Amino acid sequence: LPTPADPASPDQEVGRGLLLVAALT
């Protein structure tokens, strides 16, 4: 399931793209 990355964890390997999707849409 899709899970956005935790913005407080910049080294997190997955979910950063969903943060971008959330920011753009």
PDB file of all heavy atoms in Angstrom:
ATOM      1  N   LEU A   1       0.820  -1.203   0.000  1.00  0.00           N
ATOM      2  CA  LEU A   1       0.000   0.000   0.000  1.00  0.00           C
ATOM      3  C   LEU A   1       0.856   1.256   0.000  1.00  0.00           C
ATOM      4  O   LEU A   1       1.935   1.276   0.596  1.00  0.00           O
ATOM      5  CB  LEU A   1      -0.929  -0.015   1.206  1.00  0.00           C
ATOM      6  CG  LEU A   1      -1.847  -1.240   1.283  1.00  0.00           C
ATOM      7  CD1 LEU A   1      -2.714  -1.176   2.529  1.00  0.00           C
ATOM      8  CD2 LEU A   1      -2.694  -1.374   0.036  1.00  0.00           C
ATOM      9  N   PRO A   2       0.374   2.310  -0.654  1.00  0.00           N
ATOM     10  CA  PRO A   2       1.144   3.548  -0.723  1.00  0.00           C
ATOM     11  C   PRO A   2       1.197   4.251   0.630  1.00  0.00           C
ATOM     12  O   PRO A   2       0.183   4.424   1.296  1.00  0.00           O
ATOM     13  CB  PRO A   2       0.381   4.390  -1.746  1.00  0.00           C
ATOM     14  CG  PRO A   2      -0.987   3.826  -1.779  1.00  0.00           C
ATOM     15  CD  PRO A   2      -0.878   2.386  -1.393  1.00  0.00           C
ATOM     16  N   THR A   3       2.398   4.632   1.028  1.00  0.00           N
ATOM     17  CA  THR A   3       2.622   5.338   2.285  1.00  0.00           C
ATOM     18  C   THR A   3       3.626   6.455   2.037  1.00  0.00           C
ATOM     19  O   THR A   3       4.756   6.178   1.624  1.00  0.00           O
ATOM     20  CB  THR A   3       3.179   4.378   3.352  1.00  0.00           C
ATOM     21  OG1 THR A   3       2.312   3.263   3.464  1.00  0.00           O
ATOM     22  CG2 THR A   3       3.297   5.057   4.689  1.00  0.00           C
ATOM     23  N   PRO A   4       3.235   7.695   2.277  1.00  0.00           N
ATOM     24  CA  PRO A   4       4.199   8.781   2.088  1.00  0.00           C
ATOM     25  C   PRO A   4       5.317   8.705   3.124  1.00  0.00           C
ATOM     26  O   PRO A   4       5.115   8.195   4.222  1.00  0.00           O
ATOM     27  CB  PRO A   4       3.379  10.055   2.272  1.00  0.00           C
ATOM     28  CG  PRO A   4       2.015   9.657   2.653  1.00  0.00           C
ATOM     29  CD  PRO A   4       1.929   8.167   2.667  1.00  0.00           C
ATOM     30  N   ALA A   5       6.454   9.224   2.740  1.00  0.00           N
ATOM     31  CA  ALA A   5       7.600   9.264   3.659  1.00  0.00           C
ATOM     32  C   ALA A   5       7.312  10.222   4.806  1.00  0.00           C
ATOM     33  O   ALA A   5       6.507  11.141   4.685  1.00  0.00           O
ATOM     34  CB  ALA A   5       8.853   9.711   2.909  1.00  0.00           C
ATOM     35  N   ASP A   6       7.983  10.005   5.908  1.00  0.00           N
ATOM     36  CA  ASP A   6       7.927  10.920   7.038  1.00  0.00           C
ATOM     37  C   ASP A   6       8.876  12.078   6.713  1.00  0.00           C
ATOM     38  O   ASP A   6      10.082  11.858   6.561  1.00  0.00           O
ATOM     39  CB  ASP A   6       8.366  10.191   8.302  1.00  0.00           C
ATOM     40  CG  ASP A   6       8.388  11.090   9.526  1.00  0.00           C
ATOM     41  OD1 ASP A   6       8.100  12.297   9.396  1.00  0.00           O
ATOM     42  OD2 ASP A   6       8.685  10.567  10.609  1.00  0.00           O
ATOM     43  N   PRO A   7       8.363  13.310   6.580  1.00  0.00           N
ATOM     44  CA  PRO A   7       9.241  14.438   6.229  1.00  0.00           C
ATOM     45  C   PRO A   7      10.389  14.631   7.218  1.00  0.00           C
ATOM     46  O   PRO A   7      11.418  15.190   6.871  1.00  0.00           O
ATOM     47  CB  PRO A   7       8.316  15.650   6.247  1.00  0.00           C
ATOM     48  CG  PRO A   7       6.936  15.107   6.169  1.00  0.00           C
ATOM     49  CD  PRO A   7       6.971  13.721   6.748  1.00  0.00           C
ATOM     50  N   ALA A   8      10.233  14.148   8.440  1.00  0.00           N
ATOM     51  CA  ALA A   8      11.298  14.293   9.438  1.00  0.00           C
ATOM     52  C   ALA A   8      12.414  13.284   9.242  1.00  0.00           C
ATOM     53  O   ALA A   8      13.431  13.351   9.915  1.00  0.00           O
ATOM     54  CB  ALA A   8      10.704  14.146  10.842  1.00  0.00           C
ATOM     55  N   SER A   9      12.226  12.322   8.330  1.00  0.00           N
ATOM     56  CA  SER A   9      13.236  11.286   8.076  1.00  0.00           C
ATOM     57  C   SER A   9      13.746  11.400   6.647  1.00  0.00           C
ATOM     58  O   SER A   9      13.317  10.668   5.764  1.00  0.00           O
ATOM     59  CB  SER A   9      12.639   9.897   8.301  1.00  0.00           C
ATOM     60  OG  SER A   9      12.162   9.770   9.600  1.00  0.00           O
ATOM     61  N   PRO A  10      14.671  12.329   6.385  1.00  0.00           N
ATOM     62  CA  PRO A  10      15.127  12.546   5.005  1.00  0.00           C
ATOM     63  C   PRO A  10      15.852  11.344   4.394  1.00  0.00           C
ATOM     64  O   PRO A  10      15.971  11.261   3.181  1.00  0.00           O
ATOM     65  CB  PRO A  10      16.053  13.753   5.119  1.00  0.00           C
ATOM     66  CG  PRO A  10      16.473  13.793   6.546  1.00  0.00           C
ATOM     67  CD  PRO A  10      15.345  13.194   7.331  1.00  0.00           C
ATOM     68  N   ASP A  11      16.317  10.419   5.208  1.00  0.00           N
ATOM     69  CA  ASP A  11      17.030   9.258   4.680  1.00  0.00           C
ATOM     70  C   ASP A  11      16.110   8.084   4.357  1.00  0.00           C
ATOM     71  O   ASP A  11      16.583   7.042   3.912  1.00  0.00           O
ATOM     72  CB  ASP A  11      18.090   8.792   5.676  1.00  0.00           C
ATOM     73  CG  ASP A  11      19.183   9.835   5.863  1.00  0.00           C
ATOM     74  OD1 ASP A  11      19.404  10.636   4.930  1.00  0.00           O
ATOM     75  OD2 ASP A  11      19.800   9.855   6.936  1.00  0.00           O
ATOM     76  N   GLN A  12      14.816   8.242   4.582  1.00  0.00           N
ATOM     77  CA  GLN A  12      13.868   7.157   4.317  1.00  0.00           C
ATOM     78  C   GLN A  12      13.910   6.799   2.831  1.00  0.00           C
ATOM     79  O   GLN A  12      13.886   7.668   1.969  1.00  0.00           O
ATOM     80  CB  GLN A  12      12.457   7.589   4.727  1.00  0.00           C
ATOM     81  CG  GLN A  12      11.464   6.464   4.715  1.00  0.00           C
ATOM     82  CD  GLN A  12      10.127   6.908   5.317  1.00  0.00           C
ATOM     83  OE1 GLN A  12      10.028   7.948   5.937  1.00  0.00           O
ATOM     84  NE2 GLN A  12       9.121   6.101   5.115  1.00  0.00           N
ATOM     85  N   GLU A  13      13.980   5.507   2.551  1.00  0.00           N
ATOM     86  CA  GLU A  13      14.168   5.028   1.185  1.00  0.00           C
ATOM     87  C   GLU A  13      12.912   5.084   0.322  1.00  0.00           C
ATOM     88  O   GLU A  13      13.004   5.212  -0.882  1.00  0.00           O
ATOM     89  CB  GLU A  13      14.681   3.583   1.208  1.00  0.00           C
ATOM     90  CG  GLU A  13      16.109   3.457   1.684  1.00  0.00           C
ATOM     91  CD  GLU A  13      17.104   4.080   0.728  1.00  0.00           C
ATOM     92  OE1 GLU A  13      16.982   3.877  -0.483  1.00  0.00           O
ATOM     93  OE2 GLU A  13      18.001   4.792   1.208  1.00  0.00           O
ATOM     94  N   VAL A  14      11.730   4.942   0.907  1.00  0.00           N
ATOM     95  CA  VAL A  14      10.503   4.908   0.106  1.00  0.00           C
ATOM     96  C   VAL A  14       9.530   5.975   0.581  1.00  0.00           C
ATOM     97  O   VAL A  14       9.588   6.432   1.713  1.00  0.00           O
ATOM     98  CB  VAL A  14       9.821   3.514   0.179  1.00  0.00           C
ATOM     99  CG1 VAL A  14      10.695   2.449  -0.445  1.00  0.00           C
ATOM    100  CG2 VAL A  14       9.460   3.148   1.597  1.00  0.00           C
ATOM    101  N   GLY A  15       8.639   6.373  -0.333  1.00  0.00           N
ATOM    102  CA  GLY A  15       7.577   7.290   0.014  1.00  0.00           C
ATOM    103  C   GLY A  15       7.826   8.748  -0.317  1.00  0.00           C
ATOM    104  O   GLY A  15       6.939   9.574  -0.193  1.00  0.00           O
ATOM    105  N   ARG A  16       9.040   9.072  -0.766  1.00  0.00           N
ATOM    106  CA  ARG A  16       9.329  10.476  -1.072  1.00  0.00           C
ATOM    107  C   ARG A  16       8.563  10.962  -2.284  1.00  0.00           C
ATOM    108  O   ARG A  16       8.160  12.125  -2.345  1.00  0.00           O
ATOM    109  CB  ARG A  16      10.825  10.681  -1.259  1.00  0.00           C
ATOM    110  CG  ARG A  16      11.590  10.510   0.044  1.00  0.00           C
ATOM    111  CD  ARG A  16      13.056  10.688  -0.152  1.00  0.00           C
ATOM    112  NE  ARG A  16      13.529   9.573  -0.964  1.00  0.00           N
ATOM    113  CZ  ARG A  16      14.791   9.269  -1.168  1.00  0.00           C
ATOM    114  NH1 ARG A  16      15.715  10.006  -0.642  1.00  0.00           N
ATOM    115  NH2 ARG A  16      15.132   8.243  -1.891  1.00  0.00           N
ATOM    116  N   GLY A  17       8.339  10.097  -3.247  1.00  0.00           N
ATOM    117  CA  GLY A  17       7.560  10.479  -4.428  1.00  0.00           C
ATOM    118  C   GLY A  17       6.130  10.834  -4.082  1.00  0.00           C
ATOM    119  O   GLY A  17       5.532  11.730  -4.681  1.00  0.00           O
ATOM    120  N   LEU A  18       5.563  10.152  -3.095  1.00  0.00           N
ATOM    121  CA  LEU A  18       4.198  10.467  -2.682  1.00  0.00           C
ATOM    122  C   LEU A  18       4.123  11.817  -1.971  1.00  0.00           C
ATOM    123  O   LEU A  18       3.099  12.502  -2.047  1.00  0.00           O
ATOM    124  CB  LEU A  18       3.629   9.356  -1.805  1.00  0.00           C
ATOM    125  CG  LEU A  18       3.339   8.056  -2.551  1.00  0.00           C
ATOM    126  CD1 LEU A  18       2.919   6.968  -1.576  1.00  0.00           C
ATOM    127  CD2 LEU A  18       2.287   8.266  -3.624  1.00  0.00           C
ATOM    128  N   LEU A  19       5.185  12.216  -1.305  1.00  0.00           N
ATOM    129  CA  LEU A  19       5.232  13.568  -0.740  1.00  0.00           C
ATOM    130  C   LEU A  19       5.179  14.602  -1.859  1.00  0.00           C
ATOM    131  O   LEU A  19       4.514  15.634  -1.741  1.00  0.00           O
ATOM    132  CB  LEU A  19       6.491  13.776   0.098  1.00  0.00           C
ATOM    133  CG  LEU A  19       6.554  13.067   1.441  1.00  0.00           C
ATOM    134  CD1 LEU A  19       7.902  13.305   2.109  1.00  0.00           C
ATOM    135  CD2 LEU A  19       5.421  13.520   2.337  1.00  0.00           C
ATOM    136  N   LEU A  20       5.868  14.321  -2.940  1.00  0.00           N
ATOM    137  CA  LEU A  20       5.843  15.196  -4.108  1.00  0.00           C
ATOM    138  C   LEU A  20       4.444  15.246  -4.707  1.00  0.00           C
ATOM    139  O   LEU A  20       3.932  16.324  -5.027  1.00  0.00           O
ATOM    140  CB  LEU A  20       6.872  14.705  -5.130  1.00  0.00           C
ATOM    141  CG  LEU A  20       7.134  15.570  -6.337  1.00  0.00           C
ATOM    142  CD1 LEU A  20       7.599  16.954  -5.915  1.00  0.00           C
ATOM    143  CD2 LEU A  20       8.180  14.920  -7.212  1.00  0.00           C
ATOM    144  N   VAL A  21       3.813  14.082  -4.859  1.00  0.00           N
ATOM    145  CA  VAL A  21       2.440  14.028  -5.375  1.00  0.00           C
ATOM    146  C   VAL A  21       1.515  14.856  -4.482  1.00  0.00           C
ATOM    147  O   VAL A  21       0.696  15.639  -4.967  1.00  0.00           O
ATOM    148  CB  VAL A  21       1.950  12.569  -5.496  1.00  0.00           C
ATOM    149  CG1 VAL A  21       0.452  12.509  -5.770  1.00  0.00           C
ATOM    150  CG2 VAL A  21       2.721  11.838  -6.596  1.00  0.00           C
ATOM    151  N   ALA A  22       1.654  14.717  -3.176  1.00  0.00           N
ATOM    152  CA  ALA A  22       0.815  15.476  -2.238  1.00  0.00           C
ATOM    153  C   ALA A  22       1.050  16.978  -2.373  1.00  0.00           C
ATOM    154  O   ALA A  22       0.111  17.770  -2.248  1.00  0.00           O
ATOM    155  CB  ALA A  22       1.084  15.020  -0.809  1.00  0.00           C
ATOM    156  N   ALA A  23       2.288  17.379  -2.629  1.00  0.00           N
ATOM    157  CA  ALA A  23       2.605  18.798  -2.764  1.00  0.00           C
ATOM    158  C   ALA A  23       2.097  19.374  -4.086  1.00  0.00           C
ATOM    159  O   ALA A  23       1.710  20.543  -4.144  1.00  0.00           O
ATOM    160  CB  ALA A  23       4.110  19.008  -2.643  1.00  0.00           C
ATOM    161  N   LEU A  24       2.084  18.574  -5.142  1.00  0.00           N
ATOM    162  CA  LEU A  24       1.709  19.061  -6.466  1.00  0.00           C
ATOM    163  C   LEU A  24       0.211  19.048  -6.724  1.00  0.00           C
ATOM    164  O   LEU A  24      -0.285  19.827  -7.536  1.00  0.00           O
ATOM    165  CB  LEU A  24       2.394  18.216  -7.553  1.00  0.00           C
ATOM    166  CG  LEU A  24       3.898  18.346  -7.663  1.00  0.00           C
ATOM    167  CD1 LEU A  24       4.446  17.312  -8.637  1.00  0.00           C
ATOM    168  CD2 LEU A  24       4.286  19.751  -8.101  1.00  0.00           C
ATOM    169  N   THR A  25      -0.503  18.149  -6.070  1.00  0.00           N
ATOM    170  CA  THR A  25      -1.919  17.978  -6.371  1.00  0.00           C
ATOM    171  C   THR A  25      -2.784  18.477  -5.212  1.00  0.00           C
ATOM    172  O   THR A  25      -2.290  18.750  -4.123  1.00  0.00           O
ATOM    173  CB  THR A  25      -2.242  16.498  -6.663  1.00  0.00           C
ATOM    174  OG1 THR A  25      -1.962  15.710  -5.507  1.00  0.00           O
ATOM    175  CG2 THR A  25      -1.419  15.990  -7.846  1.00  0.00           C
TER     176      THR A  25
END
